[in-house]
Amino acid sequence: MARPCPTRPLPAPCLPDPGLRWLLSPGSCRQGQEWSGTWKMRPLVSGPLKVVFLVLASLCAWYSGYLLAELIPDAPLSSAAYSIHSIGERPVLKAPVPKRQKCDHWTPCPSDTYAYRLLSGGGINKYAKICFEDDLLMGEKLGNVARGINIAIVNYVTGNVTATQHFDMYEGDNSGPMIKFIQSAPPKSLLFMVTYDDGSTRLNNDAKNAIEELGSKEIRNMKFRSSWVFLAAKGFELPSEIQREKINHSDTKNNRYSGWPAEIQIEGCIPKEPS
């Protein structure tokens, strides 16, 4: 139904709020005609309200800046840019550095065993080594390894080294002193033997017998500059699964070094004496 065209503003009681003003929408409305327009409201903002609004806006802006400053870390812009750039990258997983084991084993020996490693010489510049419980018993660093057969004696019960000695088997008559050294080892001893350079030229039959009595299977197969390592037990038996001996002969066609075969090694874990 059409409403009559108003000729004056609404009276004060008709206004919904003192801060609002009622206005006529644009349209043709003349005296005596019906008006088909609509009523509209426009907010009336006074001066004090503007001041309050500006203060609140300033406080919000200041607080937003404060929060932004707290959230940004104290780092150079280049670092921040790199961090943003690397958000979408796939993380790189790094494997932990393997823990070093006794005598450079790949896996650790049980706590109730001794770790050992025997390494023969290889070439003129690679000296033999005897390692026991991560202690170097014989080697170039200690200056106690030389041409011939190198022997270390260890007390099986305590794990302490008893004696070390090298015997030249290329020059001199050292088979006799080596036999006496082997026989001097007390019962329940571990004997570790490794060659460097030549260990067979002056090795006589009595010396071979003494080593053979300790369980060697290869001592009679020794040749000039053969690489040889041997683990022996005196006064007790070692478990059958322990690697005890290894040999590699010099061969001009297959030698790794000029005139020398490649070095060889054996390693393992020797069960300790039950307490």
Protein backbone atom coordinates (compact mmCIF):
# COMPACT_ATOMS: atom_id res chain seq x y z
CA MET A 1 0.00 0.00 0.00
CA ALA A 2 1.39 3.43 -0.93
CA ARG A 3 2.32 5.78 1.89
CA PRO A 4 1.55 9.51 1.89
CA CYS A 5 4.44 11.75 0.97
CA PRO A 6 5.94 13.33 4.09
CA THR A 7 6.20 17.09 4.09
CA ARG A 8 8.48 17.45 7.14
CA PRO A 9 11.01 15.43 9.13
CA LEU A 10 9.75 12.91 11.59
CA PRO A 11 9.23 14.16 15.09
CA ALA A 12 11.93 13.41 17.64
CA PRO A 13 10.07 10.51 19.29
CA CYS A 14 10.06 8.67 15.96
CA LEU A 15 13.87 8.57 15.72
CA PRO A 16 15.21 5.16 16.85
CA ASP A 17 18.39 6.62 18.31
CA PRO A 18 19.61 10.14 19.09
CA GLY A 19 22.76 9.50 17.07
CA LEU A 20 20.85 8.58 13.88
CA ARG A 21 19.04 10.78 11.37
CA TRP A 22 16.21 9.69 9.13
CA LEU A 23 16.42 10.79 5.52
CA LEU A 24 14.24 10.37 2.50
CA SER A 25 15.58 8.33 -0.34
CA PRO A 26 15.82 10.13 -3.66
CA GLY A 27 12.63 10.11 -5.68
CA SER A 28 9.82 12.24 -6.97
CA CYS A 29 7.55 13.25 -4.18
CA ARG A 30 5.38 16.34 -4.35
CA GLN A 31 2.80 17.87 -2.14
CA GLY A 32 -0.46 16.02 -2.36
CA GLN A 33 1.07 12.96 -4.03
CA GLU A 34 1.86 9.59 -2.67
CA TRP A 35 5.52 8.82 -1.99
CA SER A 36 6.92 5.51 -3.06
CA GLY A 37 10.45 5.95 -1.65
CA THR A 38 12.01 4.39 1.46
CA TRP A 39 13.37 5.65 4.74
CA LYS A 40 17.15 5.40 5.28
CA MET A 41 19.34 5.86 8.33
CA ARG A 42 22.75 7.57 8.36
CA PRO A 43 24.92 7.40 11.47
CA LEU A 44 25.67 10.64 13.05
CA VAL A 45 29.20 10.57 14.55
CA SER A 46 29.96 13.31 16.94
CA GLY A 47 33.38 14.80 17.71
CA PRO A 48 34.07 12.93 21.00
CA LEU A 49 33.25 9.59 19.35
CA LYS A 50 35.79 10.28 16.63
CA VAL A 51 38.48 10.91 19.24
CA VAL A 52 37.66 7.66 21.05
CA PHE A 53 37.73 5.75 17.76
CA LEU A 54 41.15 7.19 16.82
CA VAL A 55 42.58 6.33 20.26
CA LEU A 56 41.33 2.74 20.03
CA ALA A 57 42.70 2.37 16.49
CA SER A 58 46.10 3.68 17.62
CA LEU A 59 46.20 1.26 20.55
CA CYS A 60 45.33 -1.68 18.26
CA ALA A 61 48.05 -0.70 15.78
CA TRP A 62 50.65 -0.36 18.55
CA TYR A 63 49.73 -3.72 20.10
CA SER A 64 49.83 -5.47 16.70
CA GLY A 65 53.32 -4.10 16.08
CA TYR A 66 54.43 -5.23 19.53
CA LEU A 67 53.20 -8.79 18.92
CA LEU A 68 54.88 -8.91 15.51
CA ALA A 69 58.20 -7.78 17.00
CA GLU A 70 58.00 -10.48 19.69
CA LEU A 71 57.22 -13.24 17.20
CA ILE A 72 60.08 -12.44 14.79
CA PRO A 73 63.38 -14.00 16.07
CA ASP A 74 66.52 -11.93 16.50
CA ALA A 75 68.23 -13.22 13.36
CA PRO A 76 69.61 -11.61 10.20
CA LEU A 77 67.19 -11.04 7.38
CA SER A 78 69.12 -13.50 5.23
CA SER A 79 68.56 -16.25 7.81
CA ALA A 80 64.89 -15.43 8.07
CA ALA A 81 64.55 -15.45 4.28
CA TYR A 82 66.34 -18.81 4.09
CA SER A 83 64.05 -20.24 6.77
CA ILE A 84 60.97 -19.13 4.87
CA HIS A 85 62.40 -20.53 1.63
CA SER A 86 63.18 -23.91 3.21
CA ILE A 87 59.73 -24.44 4.70
CA GLY A 88 58.56 -26.46 1.71
CA GLU A 89 61.78 -28.42 1.27
CA ARG A 90 62.06 -32.06 2.26
CA PRO A 91 64.06 -32.50 5.48
CA VAL A 92 67.46 -34.18 5.13
CA LEU A 93 67.97 -37.07 7.53
CA LYS A 94 71.58 -37.60 8.61
CA ALA A 95 72.71 -40.94 9.95
CA PRO A 96 74.52 -40.77 13.27
CA VAL A 97 78.25 -41.30 13.24
CA PRO A 98 78.99 -44.93 14.12
CA LYS A 99 80.52 -45.38 17.54
CA ARG A 100 84.09 -46.64 17.44
CA GLN A 101 84.49 -50.14 18.87
CA LYS A 102 87.48 -51.78 20.52
CA CYS A 103 90.31 -52.62 18.11
CA ASP A 104 88.21 -51.04 15.32
CA HIS A 105 85.65 -53.85 15.25
CA TRP A 106 82.47 -53.16 13.31
CA THR A 107 80.33 -54.49 16.16
CA PRO A 108 81.09 -54.44 19.89
CA CYS A 109 82.24 -57.51 21.77
CA PRO A 110 80.12 -58.65 24.74
CA SER A 111 81.26 -57.37 28.12
CA ASP A 112 82.38 -60.84 29.20
CA THR A 113 84.85 -61.23 26.31
CA TYR A 114 88.21 -59.84 25.16
CA ALA A 115 88.37 -58.01 21.83
CA TYR A 116 91.40 -58.76 19.66
CA ARG A 117 92.67 -57.99 16.19
CA LEU A 118 95.80 -59.33 14.46
CA LEU A 119 97.10 -57.65 11.30
CA SER A 120 100.11 -58.87 9.34
CA GLY A 121 102.49 -56.59 7.51
CA GLY A 122 101.81 -55.66 3.91
CA GLY A 123 104.57 -54.25 1.74
CA ILE A 124 107.60 -52.39 3.01
CA ASN A 125 105.63 -49.52 4.58
CA LYS A 126 102.74 -51.37 6.24
CA TYR A 127 103.80 -52.77 9.59
CA ALA A 128 102.14 -55.57 11.52
CA LYS A 129 99.82 -54.78 14.45
CA ILE A 130 98.53 -56.63 17.50
CA CYS A 131 95.54 -55.08 19.29
CA PHE A 132 93.99 -56.48 22.47
CA GLU A 133 91.10 -54.84 24.35
CA ASP A 134 91.69 -51.66 22.32
CA ASP A 135 95.33 -51.49 23.45
CA LEU A 136 98.02 -51.58 20.78
CA LEU A 137 100.44 -54.23 22.03
CA MET A 138 102.75 -54.17 19.00
CA GLY A 139 102.89 -51.71 16.12
CA GLU A 140 104.80 -49.03 14.31
CA LYS A 141 103.68 -46.33 16.75
CA LEU A 142 105.23 -48.24 19.64
CA GLY A 143 108.41 -49.04 17.71
CA ASN A 144 108.37 -52.67 18.88
CA VAL A 145 107.51 -54.42 15.60
CA ALA A 146 110.13 -55.53 13.07
CA ARG A 147 110.96 -57.96 10.29
CA GLY A 148 110.22 -61.59 11.10
CA ILE A 149 107.73 -63.06 13.59
CA ASN A 150 106.29 -60.68 16.22
CA ILE A 151 104.80 -62.25 19.37
CA ALA A 152 102.77 -60.81 22.27
CA ILE A 153 101.90 -62.81 25.42
CA VAL A 154 98.81 -61.85 27.48
CA ASN A 155 97.62 -63.21 30.83
CA TYR A 156 94.26 -64.80 30.05
CA VAL A 157 92.92 -64.38 33.60
CA THR A 158 93.78 -60.70 34.12
CA GLY A 159 93.96 -59.50 30.51
CA ASN A 160 97.33 -57.84 31.16
CA VAL A 161 100.17 -58.05 28.66
CA THR A 162 103.07 -60.19 29.91
CA ALA A 163 105.74 -59.67 27.24
CA THR A 164 106.29 -58.70 23.59
CA GLN A 165 109.19 -59.57 21.30
CA HIS A 166 110.09 -59.74 17.60
CA PHE A 167 112.37 -62.35 16.01
CA ASP A 168 114.17 -61.75 12.71
CA MET A 169 113.77 -64.79 10.47
CA TYR A 170 115.76 -63.46 7.51
CA GLU A 171 119.13 -62.88 9.16
CA GLY A 172 120.71 -64.47 12.22
CA ASP A 173 119.78 -67.58 14.19
CA ASN A 174 116.69 -66.50 16.13
CA SER A 175 114.66 -69.70 16.13
CA GLY A 176 116.20 -70.80 19.45
CA PRO A 177 115.44 -67.53 21.29
CA MET A 178 111.90 -67.60 19.91
CA ILE A 179 111.35 -71.14 21.24
CA LYS A 180 112.50 -70.06 24.71
CA PHE A 181 110.21 -67.01 24.58
CA ILE A 182 107.21 -69.18 23.70
CA GLN A 183 108.04 -71.70 26.42
CA SER A 184 108.37 -68.88 28.99
CA ALA A 185 104.68 -68.07 28.68
CA PRO A 186 102.93 -69.23 31.88
CA PRO A 187 99.86 -71.47 31.79
CA LYS A 188 96.62 -69.72 30.87
CA SER A 189 98.31 -67.35 28.48
CA LEU A 190 97.17 -65.99 25.13
CA LEU A 191 99.86 -65.81 22.42
CA PHE A 192 99.41 -63.53 19.42
CA MET A 193 101.77 -63.95 16.43
CA VAL A 194 102.05 -61.86 13.24
CA THR A 195 104.65 -61.62 10.47
CA TYR A 196 106.16 -58.57 8.87
CA ASP A 197 108.24 -59.02 5.71
CA ASP A 198 109.85 -62.50 5.82
CA GLY A 199 109.15 -64.93 8.64
CA SER A 200 110.27 -68.26 7.17
CA THR A 201 113.81 -68.18 5.73
CA ARG A 202 115.61 -69.06 9.02
CA LEU A 203 112.65 -70.63 10.82
CA ASN A 204 113.98 -74.09 11.74
CA ASN A 205 112.07 -77.29 12.35
CA ASP A 206 112.21 -77.06 16.17
CA ALA A 207 110.58 -73.64 16.06
CA LYS A 208 107.89 -74.97 13.74
CA ASN A 209 107.25 -77.82 16.17
CA ALA A 210 106.88 -75.39 19.09
CA ILE A 211 104.30 -73.33 17.19
CA GLU A 212 102.57 -76.43 15.89
CA GLU A 213 102.13 -77.70 19.46
CA LEU A 214 100.11 -74.55 20.15
CA GLY A 215 97.63 -75.56 17.45
CA SER A 216 98.97 -73.99 14.25
CA LYS A 217 97.87 -75.65 11.01
CA GLU A 218 99.79 -73.37 8.63
CA ILE A 219 103.25 -72.94 10.16
CA ARG A 220 104.77 -75.65 7.94
CA ASN A 221 103.27 -73.97 4.87
CA MET A 222 105.14 -70.72 5.50
CA LYS A 223 107.09 -69.42 2.49
CA PHE A 224 109.25 -66.42 1.76
CA ARG A 225 107.34 -63.26 2.73
CA SER A 226 104.11 -65.12 3.46
CA SER A 227 101.62 -63.01 5.43
CA TRP A 228 100.67 -64.99 8.54
CA VAL A 229 98.66 -64.36 11.73
CA PHE A 230 98.03 -66.81 14.56
CA LEU A 231 96.19 -66.84 17.91
CA ALA A 232 97.16 -69.53 20.44
CA ALA A 233 96.11 -70.50 23.95
CA LYS A 234 98.50 -72.15 26.39
CA GLY A 235 97.06 -74.26 29.19
CA PHE A 236 93.41 -74.04 28.09
CA GLU A 237 91.23 -74.47 25.01
CA LEU A 238 89.67 -71.71 22.93
CA PRO A 239 86.13 -72.10 21.55
CA SER A 240 86.18 -73.78 18.16
CA GLU A 241 84.26 -70.95 16.47
CA ILE A 242 87.02 -68.40 17.13
CA GLN A 243 89.15 -67.59 14.09
CA ARG A 244 92.70 -68.47 15.06
CA GLU A 245 94.91 -68.51 11.97
CA LYS A 246 95.24 -67.18 8.44
CA ILE A 247 97.97 -67.19 5.78
CA ASN A 248 98.55 -65.52 2.41
CA HIS A 249 101.50 -66.47 0.20
CA SER A 250 103.58 -64.23 -2.01
CA ASP A 251 102.69 -64.58 -5.69
CA THR A 252 104.21 -62.37 -8.37
CA LYS A 253 100.96 -62.47 -10.36
CA ASN A 254 98.60 -61.68 -7.49
CA ASN A 255 100.71 -59.65 -5.05
CA ARG A 256 99.16 -56.36 -3.99
CA TYR A 257 102.55 -54.77 -3.43
CA SER A 258 105.71 -55.16 -5.46
CA GLY A 259 107.30 -58.34 -4.05
CA TRP A 260 104.82 -58.60 -1.13
CA PRO A 261 101.36 -60.16 -0.78
CA ALA A 262 98.45 -58.24 0.70
CA GLU A 263 98.19 -57.93 4.47
CA ILE A 264 95.73 -60.26 6.22
CA GLN A 265 93.93 -60.04 9.54
CA ILE A 266 91.76 -61.94 11.97
CA GLU A 267 89.63 -60.48 14.75
CA GLY A 268 87.05 -61.61 17.23
CA CYS A 269 85.94 -61.86 20.85
CA ILE A 270 87.59 -64.29 23.29
CA PRO A 271 85.36 -65.38 26.21
CA LYS A 272 86.83 -64.43 29.58
CA GLU A 273 87.44 -67.01 32.28
CA PRO A 274 84.25 -67.51 34.32
CA SER A 275 84.56 -65.86 37.72
